[in-house]
Protein backbone atom coordinates (compact mmCIF):
# COMPACT_ATOMS: atom_id res chain seq x y z
CA MET A 1 -33.33 12.08 -34.49
CA SER A 2 -31.02 14.96 -33.70
CA ALA A 3 -32.27 14.89 -30.09
CA LEU A 4 -30.58 11.53 -29.65
CA TYR A 5 -27.23 13.01 -30.53
CA ALA A 6 -27.55 16.35 -28.82
CA PRO A 7 -24.70 17.05 -26.44
CA THR A 8 -25.60 16.87 -22.80
CA ALA A 9 -24.85 19.72 -20.48
CA ARG A 10 -21.79 19.19 -18.35
CA PRO A 11 -21.58 20.61 -14.86
CA THR A 12 -19.19 23.50 -14.51
CA ARG A 13 -16.21 23.33 -12.22
CA ASN A 14 -17.92 25.64 -9.79
CA ALA A 15 -21.11 23.57 -9.66
CA ARG A 16 -21.88 22.56 -6.09
CA ALA A 17 -23.52 19.38 -4.90
CA PRO A 18 -27.00 19.79 -3.47
CA ARG A 19 -27.14 20.41 0.27
CA ALA A 20 -28.77 17.02 0.90
CA ALA A 21 -25.84 15.26 -0.78
CA GLN A 22 -23.33 17.30 1.20
CA ALA A 23 -25.07 16.51 4.48
CA ALA A 24 -25.15 12.78 3.64
CA ARG A 25 -21.36 12.59 3.27
CA PRO A 26 -19.76 11.05 6.33
CA THR A 27 -16.92 12.90 7.98
CA ARG A 28 -13.42 11.50 8.03
CA ALA A 29 -13.87 10.54 11.67
CA THR A 30 -16.82 8.31 10.84
CA ARG A 31 -15.04 6.67 7.91
CA VAL A 32 -11.90 5.65 9.76
CA THR A 33 -12.20 2.52 11.84
CA ARG A 34 -9.94 1.16 14.51
CA ALA A 35 -8.83 -1.64 12.21
CA THR A 36 -7.82 0.87 9.57
CA ARG A 37 -5.82 2.86 12.11
CA ALA A 38 -4.20 -0.37 13.32
CA VAL A 39 -3.07 -1.34 9.81
CA GLU A 40 -1.69 2.13 9.19
CA SER A 41 0.10 2.10 12.53
CA VAL A 42 1.66 -1.32 11.85
CA LEU A 43 2.98 -0.08 8.51
CA LEU A 44 4.37 3.12 9.96
CA VAL A 45 5.95 1.44 12.99
CA SER A 46 7.45 -1.33 10.86
CA GLY A 47 8.90 1.17 8.41
CA ALA A 48 10.34 3.28 11.20
CA ALA A 49 11.74 0.19 12.94
CA LEU A 50 13.75 -0.63 9.83
CA VAL A 51 15.70 2.61 10.07
CA PRO A 52 17.96 1.50 12.96
CA TRP A 53 18.28 -1.88 11.28
CA LEU A 54 19.74 -0.11 8.26
CA VAL A 55 22.52 1.25 10.44
CA VAL A 56 23.21 -2.23 11.84
CA LEU A 57 23.37 -3.68 8.34
CA ALA A 58 25.57 -0.92 7.01
CA THR A 59 28.05 -1.26 9.88
CA THR A 60 28.11 -5.02 10.57
CA LEU A 61 27.85 -6.72 7.20
CA PRO A 62 31.23 -7.47 5.70
CA PRO A 63 32.10 -5.06 2.90
CA THR A 64 32.84 -7.95 0.56
CA ALA A 65 31.88 -11.55 0.26
CA GLN A 66 31.94 -13.22 -3.10
CA VAL A 67 30.10 -10.17 -4.29
CA GLY A 68 31.42 -6.65 -3.94
CA HIS A 69 29.41 -4.12 -1.91
CA TRP A 70 27.43 -6.83 -0.15
CA ASN A 71 26.57 -4.47 2.71
CA VAL A 72 25.35 -1.76 0.32
CA ALA A 73 23.10 -4.25 -1.49
CA TRP A 74 21.38 -5.47 1.68
CA ALA A 75 21.15 -2.03 3.30
CA GLY A 76 19.74 -0.63 0.04
CA LEU A 77 17.08 -3.33 -0.18
CA ASP A 78 15.97 -2.76 3.40
CA ALA A 79 16.02 1.02 2.83
CA LEU A 80 13.60 0.56 -0.06
CA GLU A 81 11.38 -1.61 2.15
CA ALA A 82 11.35 1.03 4.88
CA LEU A 83 10.53 3.74 2.34
CA GLY A 84 7.75 1.60 0.87
CA LEU A 85 6.19 0.83 4.26
CA LEU A 86 6.35 4.47 5.33
CA ALA A 87 4.94 5.75 2.02
CA THR A 88 2.14 3.17 2.04
CA GLY A 89 1.17 3.98 5.62
CA LEU A 90 1.25 7.74 5.07
CA LEU A 91 -0.65 7.64 1.78
CA ARG A 92 -3.29 5.34 3.25
CA ARG A 93 -3.63 7.50 6.34
CA ARG A 94 -4.28 10.51 4.07
CA GLY A 95 -6.91 8.57 2.14
CA ASP A 96 -4.83 8.67 -1.05
CA GLY A 97 -5.61 5.76 -3.38
CA ARG A 98 -2.00 5.69 -4.56
CA HIS A 99 -1.16 3.70 -1.43
CA ARG A 100 -2.05 0.63 -3.53
CA LEU A 101 0.93 1.32 -5.78
CA THR A 102 3.42 1.63 -2.96
CA ALA A 103 1.85 -1.39 -1.22
CA ALA A 104 2.33 -3.52 -4.34
CA ALA A 105 5.94 -2.46 -4.76
CA THR A 106 6.69 -2.97 -1.07
CA CYS A 107 5.11 -6.42 -1.18
CA ALA A 108 7.48 -7.36 -3.98
CA LEU A 109 10.48 -5.99 -2.10
CA LEU A 110 9.54 -7.90 1.07
CA LEU A 111 9.19 -11.15 -0.88
CA VAL A 112 12.55 -10.60 -2.57
CA ASP A 113 14.18 -9.88 0.79
CA ALA A 114 12.72 -13.02 2.38
CA TRP A 115 13.86 -15.08 -0.58
CA PHE A 116 17.41 -13.78 -0.75
CA ASP A 117 17.85 -13.83 3.03
CA THR A 118 17.02 -17.52 3.17
CA VAL A 119 18.88 -18.66 0.05
CA THR A 120 22.07 -16.78 0.85
CA ALA A 121 22.21 -17.69 4.55
CA ALA A 122 24.85 -20.10 5.78
CA PRO A 123 23.55 -23.29 7.37
CA GLY A 124 22.93 -23.17 11.10
CA ALA A 125 22.12 -20.09 13.16
CA GLU A 126 22.26 -17.73 10.18
CA LEU A 127 19.68 -19.76 8.27
CA ALA A 128 17.48 -20.04 11.38
CA THR A 129 17.59 -16.25 11.78
CA ALA A 130 16.75 -15.73 8.10
CA LEU A 131 13.80 -18.11 8.31
CA ALA A 132 12.55 -16.47 11.51
CA MET A 133 12.72 -13.01 9.90
CA ALA A 134 10.92 -14.30 6.81
CA VAL A 135 8.13 -16.05 8.73
CA CYS A 136 7.66 -13.46 11.49
CA ALA A 137 8.22 -10.16 9.68
CA GLU A 138 8.75 -10.10 5.92
CA LEU A 139 6.07 -12.52 4.73
CA PRO A 140 3.30 -11.22 7.04
CA LEU A 141 4.05 -7.63 6.00
CA ALA A 142 4.04 -8.76 2.35
CA VAL A 143 0.56 -10.24 2.86
CA VAL A 144 -0.67 -6.98 4.44
CA CYS A 145 0.75 -4.99 1.53
CA ALA A 146 -0.72 -7.36 -1.07
CA THR A 147 -4.12 -7.11 0.61
CA LEU A 148 -3.95 -3.32 0.61
CA ALA A 149 -2.88 -3.26 -3.03
CA LEU A 150 -5.76 -5.45 -4.18
CA LYS A 151 -8.75 -4.51 -2.07
CA THR A 152 -11.38 -1.82 -2.43
CA ASP A 153 -10.85 1.07 -0.08
CA ARG A 154 -13.96 1.69 2.01
CA ARG A 155 -12.91 5.27 2.67
CA THR A 156 -12.71 6.30 -0.98
CA GLY A 157 -15.15 3.78 -2.49
CA ARG A 158 -12.68 3.04 -5.25
CA THR A 159 -11.48 -0.31 -6.49
CA ASP A 160 -8.02 -1.08 -7.79
CA ALA A 161 -9.23 -0.03 -11.27
CA GLY A 162 -10.21 3.40 -9.92
CA ILE A 163 -13.95 2.91 -10.51
CA ASP A 164 -16.27 4.64 -8.08
CA THR A 165 -18.29 1.71 -6.72
CA ASP A 166 -21.24 3.90 -5.67
CA THR A 167 -21.58 5.35 -9.17
CA ALA A 168 -21.10 1.94 -10.77
CA LEU A 169 -23.86 0.44 -8.62
CA ARG A 170 -26.25 3.31 -9.38
CA SER A 171 -25.65 2.99 -13.12
CA GLU A 172 -26.28 -0.78 -13.01
CA THR A 173 -29.56 -0.46 -11.15
CA SER A 174 -30.96 2.60 -12.94
CA PRO A 175 -32.92 2.06 -16.16
CA THR A 176 -31.17 3.21 -19.30
CA THR A 177 -32.91 5.39 -21.83
CA LYS A 178 -32.28 4.97 -25.51
């Protein structure tokens, strides 16, 4: 009976994986696909492209409307979007699973920006510009970020819950001993 409750040996920190397991691990070059690089590049380019736009916003928006610091509010929102896109792209490029967190936050910021741009725009050309920005830039980037935040990363094998899918599959298919 005591054998059932005996503690199992834990591997030490210095324990190394068997050579066969090390050889079976694909290199980073084999894990990264062109599509992955394309997504990362789109995020990085989009984030970098927002930087000059921040200058335009900060210098051309009127300092006051019916709300004080109108220019600071819009420039600040777009600065957060740029930071989120850059952080998501860089973290994903490094294979860091935390890119899901920045992707989720950036998705929310992009949706907020699209919403406020369209509802605060004056009728006419301003509204048309706001709708074009929402449909052509903000909403598609929000979809990309939402997809990144919710999907399993093939490079790390981890889901959004942080479960190693390879280990989970092995434990489901292996017989359990009681």
